[in-house]
Amino acid sequence: MSDFAMNVLKYGEVEAITLNGPLLLGASVNALRAKMENLAAHGGRQFVLNLTGVTRMDSSGVGLLVMILSSTKEAGGSLKLVNPSKQVTQVLKMCNLLPLFEVFDEEQAAISSFAPQ
């Protein structure tokens, strides 16, 4: 898992998670799932996933993004994606999932898009 890293910063009610490395079946998907479950268990409902550093994503990564999106919406929150790479964007398009996500070019724009609570 040395090639996958996560960094979480909190901006008010918004959790900004920056991912670096491949989001693939195994350690990286498991690490992100555990982190998101932990944040949600502690009341997190507004998430920004910065995908600038995600070099590759497979079906388990796609499935995890969809799971995070649906569980966050069920909890009354939302998930926004920032700057997915060309490969990640293509994977989401091939699965007809890209329209489900709000996608931003800049992390600050995504954070600012949440209405103040």
PDB file of N, CA and C in Angstrom:
ATOM      1  N   MET A   1       0.821  -1.196   0.000  1.00  0.00           N
ATOM      2  CA  MET A   1       0.000   0.000   0.000  1.00  0.00           C
ATOM      3  C   MET A   1       0.863   1.256   0.000  1.00  0.00           C
ATOM      4  N   SER A   2       2.173   1.099  -0.100  1.00  0.00           N
ATOM      5  CA  SER A   2       3.069   2.245  -0.022  1.00  0.00           C
ATOM      6  C   SER A   2       2.851   3.227  -1.173  1.00  0.00           C
ATOM      7  N   ASP A   3       2.205   2.789  -2.260  1.00  0.00           N
ATOM      8  CA  ASP A   3       1.993   3.703  -3.380  1.00  0.00           C
ATOM      9  C   ASP A   3       0.639   4.403  -3.319  1.00  0.00           C
ATOM     10  N   PHE A   4      -0.124   4.191  -2.247  1.00  0.00           N
ATOM     11  CA  PHE A   4      -1.412   4.865  -2.087  1.00  0.00           C
ATOM     12  C   PHE A   4      -1.376   5.683  -0.803  1.00  0.00           C
ATOM     13  N   ALA A   5      -1.835   6.931  -0.886  1.00  0.00           N
ATOM     14  CA  ALA A   5      -1.851   7.798   0.291  1.00  0.00           C
ATOM     15  C   ALA A   5      -3.145   8.598   0.325  1.00  0.00           C
ATOM     16  N   MET A   6      -3.559   8.921   1.549  1.00  0.00           N
ATOM     17  CA  MET A   6      -4.776   9.691   1.778  1.00  0.00           C
ATOM     18  C   MET A   6      -4.464  10.810   2.754  1.00  0.00           C
ATOM     19  N   ASN A   7      -5.050  11.963   2.520  1.00  0.00           N
ATOM     20  CA  ASN A   7      -4.897  13.072   3.448  1.00  0.00           C
ATOM     21  C   ASN A   7      -6.266  13.706   3.640  1.00  0.00           C
ATOM     22  N   VAL A   8      -6.669  13.913   4.887  1.00  0.00           N
ATOM     23  CA  VAL A   8      -7.984  14.483   5.183  1.00  0.00           C
ATOM     24  C   VAL A   8      -7.805  15.821   5.880  1.00  0.00           C
ATOM     25  N   LEU A   9      -8.451  16.848   5.348  1.00  0.00           N
ATOM     26  CA  LEU A   9      -8.493  18.160   5.976  1.00  0.00           C
ATOM     27  C   LEU A   9      -9.946  18.551   6.171  1.00  0.00           C
ATOM     28  N   LYS A  10     -10.227  19.204   7.297  1.00  0.00           N
ATOM     29  CA  LYS A  10     -11.601  19.597   7.594  1.00  0.00           C
ATOM     30  C   LYS A  10     -11.740  21.101   7.401  1.00  0.00           C
ATOM     31  N   TYR A  11     -12.737  21.491   6.614  1.00  0.00           N
ATOM     32  CA  TYR A  11     -13.058  22.900   6.386  1.00  0.00           C
ATOM     33  C   TYR A  11     -14.477  23.113   6.894  1.00  0.00           C
ATOM     34  N   GLY A  12     -14.629  23.537   8.121  1.00  0.00           N
ATOM     35  CA  GLY A  12     -15.965  23.660   8.698  1.00  0.00           C
ATOM     36  C   GLY A  12     -16.612  22.294   8.758  1.00  0.00           C
ATOM     37  N   GLU A  13     -17.742  22.147   8.061  1.00  0.00           N
ATOM     38  CA  GLU A  13     -18.463  20.865   8.045  1.00  0.00           C
ATOM     39  C   GLU A  13     -18.008  19.960   6.896  1.00  0.00           C
ATOM     40  N   VAL A  14     -17.100  20.453   6.062  1.00  0.00           N
ATOM     41  CA  VAL A  14     -16.699  19.709   4.866  1.00  0.00           C
ATOM     42  C   VAL A  14     -15.385  18.969   5.123  1.00  0.00           C
ATOM     43  N   GLU A  15     -15.385  17.679   4.795  1.00  0.00           N
ATOM     44  CA  GLU A  15     -14.174  16.860   4.877  1.00  0.00           C
ATOM     45  C   GLU A  15     -13.592  16.776   3.467  1.00  0.00           C
ATOM     46  N   ALA A  16     -12.369  17.271   3.293  1.00  0.00           N
ATOM     47  CA  ALA A  16     -11.698  17.210   1.990  1.00  0.00           C
ATOM     48  C   ALA A  16     -10.652  16.103   2.047  1.00  0.00           C
ATOM     49  N   ILE A  17     -10.846  15.077   1.236  1.00  0.00           N
ATOM     50  CA  ILE A  17      -9.965  13.914   1.224  1.00  0.00           C
ATOM     51  C   ILE A  17      -9.180  13.931  -0.085  1.00  0.00           C
ATOM     52  N   THR A  18      -7.864  14.026   0.032  1.00  0.00           N
ATOM     53  CA  THR A  18      -6.996  14.000  -1.138  1.00  0.00           C
ATOM     54  C   THR A  18      -6.410  12.606  -1.273  1.00  0.00           C
ATOM     55  N   LEU A  19      -6.581  12.008  -2.452  1.00  0.00           N
ATOM     56  CA  LEU A  19      -6.079  10.657  -2.708  1.00  0.00           C
ATOM     57  C   LEU A  19      -4.911  10.724  -3.675  1.00  0.00           C
ATOM     58  N   ASN A  20      -3.908   9.878  -3.424  1.00  0.00           N
ATOM     59  CA  ASN A  20      -2.766   9.781  -4.325  1.00  0.00           C
ATOM     60  C   ASN A  20      -2.437   8.320  -4.558  1.00  0.00           C
ATOM     61  N   GLY A  21      -2.333   7.951  -5.830  1.00  0.00           N
ATOM     62  CA  GLY A  21      -1.998   6.587  -6.191  1.00  0.00           C
ATOM     63  C   GLY A  21      -3.196   5.874  -6.786  1.00  0.00           C
ATOM     64  N   PRO A  22      -3.020   4.612  -7.141  1.00  0.00           N
ATOM     65  CA  PRO A  22      -4.107   3.857  -7.770  1.00  0.00           C
ATOM     66  C   PRO A  22      -5.183   3.457  -6.763  1.00  0.00           C
ATOM     67  N   LEU A  23      -6.446   3.574  -7.168  1.00  0.00           N
ATOM     68  CA  LEU A  23      -7.575   3.150  -6.339  1.00  0.00           C
ATOM     69  C   LEU A  23      -8.061   1.822  -6.910  1.00  0.00           C
ATOM     70  N   LEU A  24      -7.473   0.748  -6.412  1.00  0.00           N
ATOM     71  CA  LEU A  24      -7.683  -0.586  -6.976  1.00  0.00           C
ATOM     72  C   LEU A  24      -8.121  -1.565  -5.894  1.00  0.00           C
ATOM     73  N   LEU A  25      -8.681  -2.698  -6.337  1.00  0.00           N
ATOM     74  CA  LEU A  25      -9.097  -3.762  -5.436  1.00  0.00           C
ATOM     75  C   LEU A  25      -7.970  -4.083  -4.462  1.00  0.00           C
ATOM     76  N   GLY A  26      -8.322  -4.176  -3.194  1.00  0.00           N
ATOM     77  CA  GLY A  26      -7.311  -4.518  -2.199  1.00  0.00           C
ATOM     78  C   GLY A  26      -7.089  -3.377  -1.217  1.00  0.00           C
ATOM     79  N   ALA A  27      -5.821  -3.151  -0.899  1.00  0.00           N
ATOM     80  CA  ALA A  27      -5.461  -2.249   0.192  1.00  0.00           C
ATOM     81  C   ALA A  27      -5.984  -0.823   0.016  1.00  0.00           C
ATOM     82  N   SER A  28      -5.856  -0.236  -1.184  1.00  0.00           N
ATOM     83  CA  SER A  28      -6.258   1.166  -1.341  1.00  0.00           C
ATOM     84  C   SER A  28      -7.770   1.339  -1.206  1.00  0.00           C
ATOM     85  N   VAL A  29      -8.549   0.460  -1.827  1.00  0.00           N
ATOM     86  CA  VAL A  29     -10.009   0.536  -1.706  1.00  0.00           C
ATOM     87  C   VAL A  29     -10.425   0.284  -0.253  1.00  0.00           C
ATOM     88  N   ASN A  30      -9.803  -0.705   0.389  1.00  0.00           N
ATOM     89  CA  ASN A  30     -10.132  -1.004   1.785  1.00  0.00           C
ATOM     90  C   ASN A  30      -9.802   0.163   2.701  1.00  0.00           C
ATOM     91  N   ALA A  31      -8.659   0.823   2.455  1.00  0.00           N
ATOM     92  CA  ALA A  31      -8.257   1.961   3.277  1.00  0.00           C
ATOM     93  C   ALA A  31      -9.237   3.123   3.124  1.00  0.00           C
ATOM     94  N   LEU A  32      -9.647   3.421   1.889  1.00  0.00           N
ATOM     95  CA  LEU A  32     -10.594   4.516   1.667  1.00  0.00           C
ATOM     96  C   LEU A  32     -11.957   4.172   2.261  1.00  0.00           C
ATOM     97  N   ARG A  33     -12.407   2.936   2.095  1.00  0.00           N
ATOM     98  CA  ARG A  33     -13.693   2.521   2.673  1.00  0.00           C
ATOM     99  C   ARG A  33     -13.672   2.707   4.189  1.00  0.00           C
ATOM    100  N   ALA A  34     -12.614   2.228   4.844  1.00  0.00           N
ATOM    101  CA  ALA A  34     -12.501   2.341   6.302  1.00  0.00           C
ATOM    102  C   ALA A  34     -12.491   3.805   6.741  1.00  0.00           C
ATOM    103  N   LYS A  35     -11.743   4.647   6.014  1.00  0.00           N
ATOM    104  CA  LYS A  35     -11.666   6.071   6.350  1.00  0.00           C
ATOM    105  C   LYS A  35     -13.030   6.740   6.208  1.00  0.00           C
ATOM    106  N   MET A  36     -13.747   6.446   5.120  1.00  0.00           N
ATOM    107  CA  MET A  36     -15.063   7.059   4.903  1.00  0.00           C
ATOM    108  C   MET A  36     -16.069   6.592   5.959  1.00  0.00           C
ATOM    109  N   GLU A  37     -16.028   5.302   6.310  1.00  0.00           N
ATOM    110  CA  GLU A  37     -16.932   4.788   7.343  1.00  0.00           C
ATOM    111  C   GLU A  37     -16.645   5.462   8.678  1.00  0.00           C
ATOM    112  N   ASN A  38     -15.365   5.663   8.981  1.00  0.00           N
ATOM    113  CA  ASN A  38     -14.981   6.329  10.225  1.00  0.00           C
ATOM    114  C   ASN A  38     -15.479   7.776  10.239  1.00  0.00           C
ATOM    115  N   LEU A  39     -15.260   8.507   9.143  1.00  0.00           N
ATOM    116  CA  LEU A  39     -15.713   9.899   9.070  1.00  0.00           C
ATOM    117  C   LEU A  39     -17.234   9.983   9.204  1.00  0.00           C
ATOM    118  N   ALA A  40     -17.946   9.085   8.520  1.00  0.00           N
ATOM    119  CA  ALA A  40     -19.412   9.077   8.597  1.00  0.00           C
ATOM    120  C   ALA A  40     -19.880   8.742  10.008  1.00  0.00           C
ATOM    121  N   ALA A  41     -19.200   7.807  10.670  1.00  0.00           N
ATOM    122  CA  ALA A  41     -19.568   7.417  12.039  1.00  0.00           C
ATOM    123  C   ALA A  41     -19.385   8.576  13.012  1.00  0.00           C
ATOM    124  N   HIS A  42     -18.510   9.504  12.667  1.00  0.00           N
ATOM    125  CA  HIS A  42     -18.280  10.672  13.520  1.00  0.00           C
ATOM    126  C   HIS A  42     -19.029  11.901  13.016  1.00  0.00           C
ATOM    127  N   GLY A  43     -20.067  11.674  12.219  1.00  0.00           N
ATOM    128  CA  GLY A  43     -20.958  12.763  11.828  1.00  0.00           C
ATOM    129  C   GLY A  43     -20.642  13.431  10.506  1.00  0.00           C
ATOM    130  N   GLY A  44     -19.607  12.980   9.798  1.00  0.00           N
ATOM    131  CA  GLY A  44     -19.279  13.578   8.503  1.00  0.00           C
ATOM    132  C   GLY A  44     -20.345  13.263   7.465  1.00  0.00           C
ATOM    133  N   ARG A  45     -20.817  14.292   6.763  1.00  0.00           N
ATOM    134  CA  ARG A  45     -21.835  14.080   5.727  1.00  0.00           C
ATOM    135  C   ARG A  45     -21.537  14.869   4.466  1.00  0.00           C
ATOM    136  N   GLN A  46     -20.529  15.731   4.509  1.00  0.00           N
ATOM    137  CA  GLN A  46     -20.187  16.546   3.352  1.00  0.00           C
ATOM    138  C   GLN A  46     -18.733  16.259   2.992  1.00  0.00           C
ATOM    139  N   PHE A  47     -18.563  15.637   1.818  1.00  0.00           N
ATOM    140  CA  PHE A  47     -17.235  15.170   1.436  1.00  0.00           C
ATOM    141  C   PHE A  47     -16.817  15.703   0.075  1.00  0.00           C
ATOM    142  N   VAL A  48     -15.539  16.062  -0.011  1.00  0.00           N
ATOM    143  CA  VAL A  48     -14.905  16.417  -1.273  1.00  0.00           C
ATOM    144  C   VAL A  48     -13.774  15.415  -1.457  1.00  0.00           C
ATOM    145  N   LEU A  49     -13.819  14.674  -2.560  1.00  0.00           N
ATOM    146  CA  LEU A  49     -12.744  13.728  -2.871  1.00  0.00           C
ATOM    147  C   LEU A  49     -11.891  14.328  -3.976  1.00  0.00           C
ATOM    148  N   ASN A  50     -10.662  14.677  -3.636  1.00  0.00           N
ATOM    149  CA  ASN A  50      -9.741  15.222  -4.625  1.00  0.00           C
ATOM    150  C   ASN A  50      -9.024  14.050  -5.293  1.00  0.00           C
ATOM    151  N   LEU A  51      -9.351  13.830  -6.567  1.00  0.00           N
ATOM    152  CA  LEU A  51      -8.836  12.679  -7.313  1.00  0.00           C
ATOM    153  C   LEU A  51      -7.676  13.038  -8.235  1.00  0.00           C
ATOM    154  N   THR A  52      -7.113  14.228  -8.067  1.00  0.00           N
ATOM    155  CA  THR A  52      -6.024  14.683  -8.935  1.00  0.00           C
ATOM    156  C   THR A  52      -4.897  13.657  -8.997  1.00  0.00           C
ATOM    157  N   GLY A  53      -4.560  13.045  -7.862  1.00  0.00           N
ATOM    158  CA  GLY A  53      -3.436  12.124  -7.802  1.00  0.00           C
ATOM    159  C   GLY A  53      -3.788  10.667  -8.023  1.00  0.00           C
ATOM    160  N   VAL A  54      -5.059  10.385  -8.352  1.00  0.00           N
ATOM    161  CA  VAL A  54      -5.451   8.991  -8.589  1.00  0.00           C
ATOM    162  C   VAL A  54      -5.078   8.619 -10.017  1.00  0.00           C
ATOM    163  N   THR A  55      -4.090   7.754 -10.130  1.00  0.00           N
ATOM    164  CA  THR A  55      -3.543   7.411 -11.434  1.00  0.00           C
ATOM    165  C   THR A  55      -4.386   6.378 -12.171  1.00  0.00           C
ATOM    166  N   ARG A  56      -4.959   5.434 -11.420  1.00  0.00           N
ATOM    167  CA  ARG A  56      -5.790   4.391 -12.033  1.00  0.00           C
ATOM    168  C   ARG A  56      -6.907   4.031 -11.071  1.00  0.00           C
ATOM    169  N   MET A  57      -8.010   3.539 -11.646  1.00  0.00           N
ATOM    170  CA  MET A  57      -9.126   3.086 -10.830  1.00  0.00           C
ATOM    171  C   MET A  57      -9.766   1.896 -11.530  1.00  0.00           C
ATOM    172  N   ASP A  58     -10.034   0.832 -10.762  1.00  0.00           N
ATOM    173  CA  ASP A  58     -10.697  -0.337 -11.338  1.00  0.00           C
ATOM    174  C   ASP A  58     -12.151  -0.390 -10.865  1.00  0.00           C
ATOM    175  N   SER A  59     -12.821  -1.485 -11.180  1.00  0.00           N
ATOM    176  CA  SER A  59     -14.251  -1.592 -10.861  1.00  0.00           C
ATOM    177  C   SER A  59     -14.511  -1.529  -9.365  1.00  0.00           C
ATOM    178  N   SER A  60     -13.590  -2.009  -8.537  1.00  0.00           N
ATOM    179  CA  SER A  60     -13.821  -1.931  -7.098  1.00  0.00           C
ATOM    180  C   SER A  60     -13.719  -0.479  -6.621  1.00  0.00           C
ATOM    181  N   GLY A  61     -12.848   0.309  -7.252  1.00  0.00           N
ATOM    182  CA  GLY A  61     -12.771   1.731  -6.936  1.00  0.00           C
ATOM    183  C   GLY A  61     -14.037   2.459  -7.350  1.00  0.00           C
ATOM    184  N   VAL A  62     -14.539   2.122  -8.536  1.00  0.00           N
ATOM    185  CA  VAL A  62     -15.805   2.702  -9.016  1.00  0.00           C
ATOM    186  C   VAL A  62     -16.939   2.334  -8.057  1.00  0.00           C
ATOM    187  N   GLY A  63     -17.003   1.061  -7.698  1.00  0.00           N
ATOM    188  CA  GLY A  63     -18.046   0.602  -6.781  1.00  0.00           C
ATOM    189  C   GLY A  63     -17.994   1.324  -5.448  1.00  0.00           C
ATOM    190  N   LEU A  64     -16.779   1.558  -4.964  1.00  0.00           N
ATOM    191  CA  LEU A  64     -16.637   2.266  -3.692  1.00  0.00           C
ATOM    192  C   LEU A  64     -17.125   3.706  -3.818  1.00  0.00           C
ATOM    193  N   LEU A  65     -16.789   4.395  -4.911  1.00  0.00           N
ATOM    194  CA  LEU A  65     -17.269   5.771  -5.095  1.00  0.00           C
ATOM    195  C   LEU A  65     -18.794   5.819  -5.111  1.00  0.00           C
ATOM    196  N   VAL A  66     -19.414   4.859  -5.801  1.00  0.00           N
ATOM    197  CA  VAL A  66     -20.881   4.817  -5.864  1.00  0.00           C
ATOM    198  C   VAL A  66     -21.455   4.528  -4.475  1.00  0.00           C
ATOM    199  N   MET A  67     -20.830   3.611  -3.730  1.00  0.00           N
ATOM    200  CA  MET A  67     -21.296   3.297  -2.385  1.00  0.00           C
ATOM    201  C   MET A  67     -21.193   4.522  -1.470  1.00  0.00           C
ATOM    202  N   ILE A  68     -20.061   5.234  -1.557  1.00  0.00           N
ATOM    203  CA  ILE A  68     -19.881   6.438  -0.741  1.00  0.00           C
ATOM    204  C   ILE A  68     -20.945   7.475  -1.110  1.00  0.00           C
ATOM    205  N   LEU A  69     -21.173   7.651  -2.412  1.00  0.00           N
ATOM    206  CA  LEU A  69     -22.171   8.615  -2.877  1.00  0.00           C
ATOM    207  C   LEU A  69     -23.554   8.269  -2.329  1.00  0.00           C
ATOM    208  N   SER A  70     -23.966   7.006  -2.467  1.00  0.00           N
ATOM    209  CA  SER A  70     -25.320   6.642  -2.039  1.00  0.00           C
ATOM    210  C   SER A  70     -25.467   6.691  -0.523  1.00  0.00           C
ATOM    211  N   SER A  71     -24.481   6.213   0.231  1.00  0.00           N
ATOM    212  CA  SER A  71     -24.615   6.242   1.693  1.00  0.00           C
ATOM    213  C   SER A  71     -24.573   7.673   2.220  1.00  0.00           C
ATOM    214  N   THR A  72     -23.789   8.533   1.574  1.00  0.00           N
ATOM    215  CA  THR A  72     -23.728   9.934   1.980  1.00  0.00           C
ATOM    216  C   THR A  72     -25.056  10.633   1.699  1.00  0.00           C
ATOM    217  N   LYS A  73     -25.638  10.359   0.518  1.00  0.00           N
ATOM    218  CA  LYS A  73     -26.942  10.952   0.194  1.00  0.00           C
ATOM    219  C   LYS A  73     -28.023  10.467   1.150  1.00  0.00           C
ATOM    220  N   GLU A  74     -27.995   9.158   1.482  1.00  0.00           N
ATOM    221  CA  GLU A  74     -28.977   8.617   2.430  1.00  0.00           C
ATOM    222  C   GLU A  74     -28.887   9.315   3.779  1.00  0.00           C
ATOM    223  N   ALA A  75     -27.680   9.732   4.165  1.00  0.00           N
ATOM    224  CA  ALA A  75     -27.466  10.410   5.448  1.00  0.00           C
ATOM    225  C   ALA A  75     -27.754  11.911   5.359  1.00  0.00           C
ATOM    226  N   GLY A  76     -28.202  12.364   4.178  1.00  0.00           N
ATOM    227  CA  GLY A  76     -28.543  13.768   4.005  1.00  0.00           C
ATOM    228  C   GLY A  76     -27.369  14.648   3.621  1.00  0.00           C
ATOM    229  N   GLY A  77     -26.278  14.036   3.180  1.00  0.00           N
ATOM    230  CA  GLY A  77     -25.097  14.801   2.794  1.00  0.00           C
ATOM    231  C   GLY A  77     -24.837  14.708   1.311  1.00  0.00           C
ATOM    232  N   SER A  78     -23.612  15.028   0.912  1.00  0.00           N
ATOM    233  CA  SER A  78     -23.263  14.884  -0.497  1.00  0.00           C
ATOM    234  C   SER A  78     -21.765  14.674  -0.673  1.00  0.00           C
ATOM    235  N   LEU A  79     -21.428  14.183  -1.846  1.00  0.00           N
ATOM    236  CA  LEU A  79     -20.050  13.877  -2.224  1.00  0.00           C
ATOM    237  C   LEU A  79     -19.755  14.616  -3.516  1.00  0.00           C
ATOM    238  N   LYS A  80     -18.623  15.312  -3.548  1.00  0.00           N
ATOM    239  CA  LYS A  80     -18.216  16.027  -4.755  1.00  0.00           C
ATOM    240  C   LYS A  80     -16.808  15.580  -5.122  1.00  0.00           C
ATOM    241  N   LEU A  81     -16.566  15.446  -6.417  1.00  0.00           N
ATOM    242  CA  LEU A  81     -15.266  14.998  -6.907  1.00  0.00           C
ATOM    243  C   LEU A  81     -14.493  16.174  -7.469  1.00  0.00           C
ATOM    244  N   VAL A  82     -13.177  16.153  -7.269  1.00  0.00           N
ATOM    245  CA  VAL A  82     -12.312  17.214  -7.781  1.00  0.00           C
ATOM    246  C   VAL A  82     -11.293  16.623  -8.743  1.00  0.00           C
ATOM    247  N   ASN A  83     -11.265  17.173  -9.938  1.00  0.00           N
ATOM    248  CA  ASN A  83     -10.222  16.937 -10.926  1.00  0.00           C
ATOM    249  C   ASN A  83      -9.851  15.464 -11.133  1.00  0.00           C
ATOM    250  N   PRO A  84     -10.833  14.607 -11.466  1.00  0.00           N
ATOM    251  CA  PRO A  84     -10.452  13.218 -11.751  1.00  0.00           C
ATOM    252  C   PRO A  84      -9.571  13.152 -12.994  1.00  0.00           C
ATOM    253  N   SER A  85      -8.596  12.248 -12.969  1.00  0.00           N
ATOM    254  CA  SER A  85      -7.689  12.092 -14.110  1.00  0.00           C
ATOM    255  C   SER A  85      -8.471  11.635 -15.337  1.00  0.00           C
ATOM    256  N   LYS A  86      -7.815  11.690 -16.482  1.00  0.00           N
ATOM    257  CA  LYS A  86      -8.443  11.260 -17.732  1.00  0.00           C
ATOM    258  C   LYS A  86      -8.900   9.794 -17.622  1.00  0.00           C
ATOM    259  N   GLN A  87      -8.054   8.939 -17.043  1.00  0.00           N
ATOM    260  CA  GLN A  87      -8.386   7.511 -16.915  1.00  0.00           C
ATOM    261  C   GLN A  87      -9.597   7.318 -16.008  1.00  0.00           C
ATOM    262  N   VAL A  88      -9.630   8.013 -14.875  1.00  0.00           N
ATOM    263  CA  VAL A  88     -10.752   7.891 -13.937  1.00  0.00           C
ATOM    264  C   VAL A  88     -12.032   8.405 -14.593  1.00  0.00           C
ATOM    265  N   THR A  89     -11.948   9.534 -15.285  1.00  0.00           N
ATOM    266  CA  THR A  89     -13.110  10.089 -15.984  1.00  0.00           C
ATOM    267  C   THR A  89     -13.627   9.107 -17.031  1.00  0.00           C
ATOM    268  N   GLN A  90     -12.715   8.487 -17.799  1.00  0.00           N
ATOM    269  CA  GLN A  90     -13.124   7.517 -18.824  1.00  0.00           C
ATOM    270  C   GLN A  90     -13.820   6.315 -18.205  1.00  0.00           C
ATOM    271  N   VAL A  91     -13.299   5.820 -17.085  1.00  0.00           N
ATOM    272  CA  VAL A  91     -13.919   4.672 -16.416  1.00  0.00           C
ATOM    273  C   VAL A  91     -15.333   5.034 -15.969  1.00  0.00           C
ATOM    274  N   LEU A  92     -15.496   6.202 -15.363  1.00  0.00           N
ATOM    275  CA  LEU A  92     -16.828   6.620 -14.906  1.00  0.00           C
ATOM    276  C   LEU A  92     -17.775   6.830 -16.091  1.00  0.00           C
ATOM    277  N   LYS A  93     -17.256   7.363 -17.205  1.00  0.00           N
ATOM    278  CA  LYS A  93     -18.086   7.545 -18.402  1.00  0.00           C
ATOM    279  C   LYS A  93     -18.507   6.199 -18.986  1.00  0.00           C
ATOM    280  N   MET A  94     -17.570   5.248 -19.062  1.00  0.00           N
ATOM    281  CA  MET A  94     -17.884   3.929 -19.633  1.00  0.00           C
ATOM    282  C   MET A  94     -18.976   3.229 -18.824  1.00  0.00           C
ATOM    283  N   CYS A  95     -18.997   3.495 -17.531  1.00  0.00           N
ATOM    284  CA  CYS A  95     -20.006   2.873 -16.661  1.00  0.00           C
ATOM    285  C   CYS A  95     -21.281   3.722 -16.591  1.00  0.00           C
ATOM    286  N   ASN A  96     -21.330   4.798 -17.369  1.00  0.00           N
ATOM    287  CA  ASN A  96     -22.464   5.739 -17.339  1.00  0.00           C
ATOM    288  C   ASN A  96     -22.726   6.280 -15.934  1.00  0.00           C
ATOM    289  N   LEU A  97     -21.656   6.487 -15.157  1.00  0.00           N
ATOM    290  CA  LEU A  97     -21.798   6.963 -13.785  1.00  0.00           C
ATOM    291  C   LEU A  97     -21.372   8.416 -13.609  1.00  0.00           C
ATOM    292  N   LEU A  98     -20.651   8.965 -14.570  1.00  0.00           N
ATOM    293  CA  LEU A  98     -20.157  10.332 -14.412  1.00  0.00           C
ATOM    294  C   LEU A  98     -21.269  11.334 -14.093  1.00  0.00           C
ATOM    295  N   PRO A  99     -22.463  11.225 -14.721  1.00  0.00           N
ATOM    296  CA  PRO A  99     -23.520  12.206 -14.423  1.00  0.00           C
ATOM    297  C   PRO A  99     -24.025  12.154 -12.973  1.00  0.00           C
ATOM    298  N   LEU A 100     -23.748  11.068 -12.261  1.00  0.00           N
ATOM    299  CA  LEU A 100     -24.198  10.972 -10.868  1.00  0.00           C
ATOM    300  C   LEU A 100     -23.423  11.907  -9.951  1.00  0.00           C
ATOM    301  N   PHE A 101     -22.209  12.260 -10.365  1.00  0.00           N
ATOM    302  CA  PHE A 101     -21.316  13.018  -9.487  1.00  0.00           C
ATOM    303  C   PHE A 101     -21.237  14.477  -9.882  1.00  0.00           C
ATOM    304  N   GLU A 102     -21.123  15.351  -8.876  1.00  0.00           N
ATOM    305  CA  GLU A 102     -20.765  16.741  -9.133  1.00  0.00           C
ATOM    306  C   GLU A 102     -19.252  16.767  -9.225  1.00  0.00           C
ATOM    307  N   VAL A 103     -18.726  17.280 -10.343  1.00  0.00           N
ATOM    308  CA  VAL A 103     -17.281  17.285 -10.569  1.00  0.00           C
ATOM    309  C   VAL A 103     -16.808  18.730 -10.686  1.00  0.00           C
ATOM    310  N   PHE A 104     -15.727  19.038  -9.976  1.00  0.00           N
ATOM    311  CA  PHE A 104     -15.149  20.381  -9.966  1.00  0.00           C
ATOM    312  C   PHE A 104     -13.697  20.316 -10.422  1.00  0.00           C
ATOM    313  N   ASP A 105     -13.212  21.430 -11.002  1.00  0.00           N
ATOM    314  CA  ASP A 105     -11.809  21.510 -11.413  1.00  0.00           C
ATOM    315  C   ASP A 105     -10.904  21.850 -10.234  1.00  0.00           C
ATOM    316  N   GLU A 106     -11.417  22.600  -9.282  1.00  0.00           N
ATOM    317  CA  GLU A 106     -10.610  23.077  -8.154  1.00  0.00           C
ATOM    318  C   GLU A 106     -11.235  22.629  -6.833  1.00  0.00           C
ATOM    319  N   GLU A 107     -10.382  22.212  -5.896  1.00  0.00           N
ATOM    320  CA  GLU A 107     -10.875  21.776  -4.591  1.00  0.00           C
ATOM    321  C   GLU A 107     -11.617  22.890  -3.862  1.00  0.00           C
ATOM    322  N   GLN A 108     -11.085  24.110  -3.913  1.00  0.00           N
ATOM    323  CA  GLN A 108     -11.725  25.208  -3.199  1.00  0.00           C
ATOM    324  C   GLN A 108     -13.137  25.489  -3.730  1.00  0.00           C
ATOM    325  N   ALA A 109     -13.323  25.347  -5.045  1.00  0.00           N
ATOM    326  CA  ALA A 109     -14.655  25.537  -5.626  1.00  0.00           C
ATOM    327  C   ALA A 109     -15.621  24.478  -5.109  1.00  0.00           C
ATOM    328  N   ALA A 110     -15.156  23.244  -4.991  1.00  0.00           N
ATOM    329  CA  ALA A 110     -16.009  22.168  -4.481  1.00  0.00           C
ATOM    330  C   ALA A 110     -16.371  22.427  -3.024  1.00  0.00           C
ATOM    331  N   ILE A 111     -15.404  22.837  -2.225  1.00  0.00           N
ATOM    332  CA  ILE A 111     -15.662  23.117  -0.803  1.00  0.00           C
ATOM    333  C   ILE A 111     -16.649  24.271  -0.686  1.00  0.00           C
ATOM    334  N   SER A 112     -16.456  25.319  -1.478  1.00  0.00           N
ATOM    335  CA  SER A 112     -17.319  26.496  -1.430  1.00  0.00           C
ATOM    336  C   SER A 112     -18.731  26.200  -1.913  1.00  0.00           C
ATOM    337  N   SER A 113     -18.904  25.125  -2.696  1.00  0.00           N
ATOM    338  CA  SER A 113     -20.226  24.829  -3.261  1.00  0.00           C
ATOM    339  C   SER A 113     -21.201  24.309  -2.211  1.00  0.00           C
ATOM    340  N   PHE A 114     -20.700  23.886  -1.059  1.00  0.00           N
ATOM    341  CA  PHE A 114     -21.591  23.460   0.016  1.00  0.00           C
ATOM    342  C   PHE A 114     -22.200  24.684   0.660  1.00  0.00           C
ATOM    343  N   ALA A 115     -23.513  24.659   0.830  1.00  0.00           N
ATOM    344  CA  ALA A 115     -24.169  25.772   1.498  1.00  0.00           C
ATOM    345  C   ALA A 115     -23.727  25.791   2.968  1.00  0.00           C
ATOM    346  N   PRO A 116     -23.461  26.956   3.510  1.00  0.00           N
ATOM    347  CA  PRO A 116     -23.071  27.010   4.934  1.00  0.00           C
ATOM    348  C   PRO A 116     -24.159  26.418   5.819  1.00  0.00           C
ATOM    349  N   GLN A 117     -23.740  25.655   6.788  1.00  0.00           N
ATOM    350  CA  GLN A 117     -24.711  25.000   7.687  1.00  0.00           C
ATOM    351  C   GLN A 117     -25.019  25.882   8.866  1.00  0.00           C
TER     352      GLN A 117
END
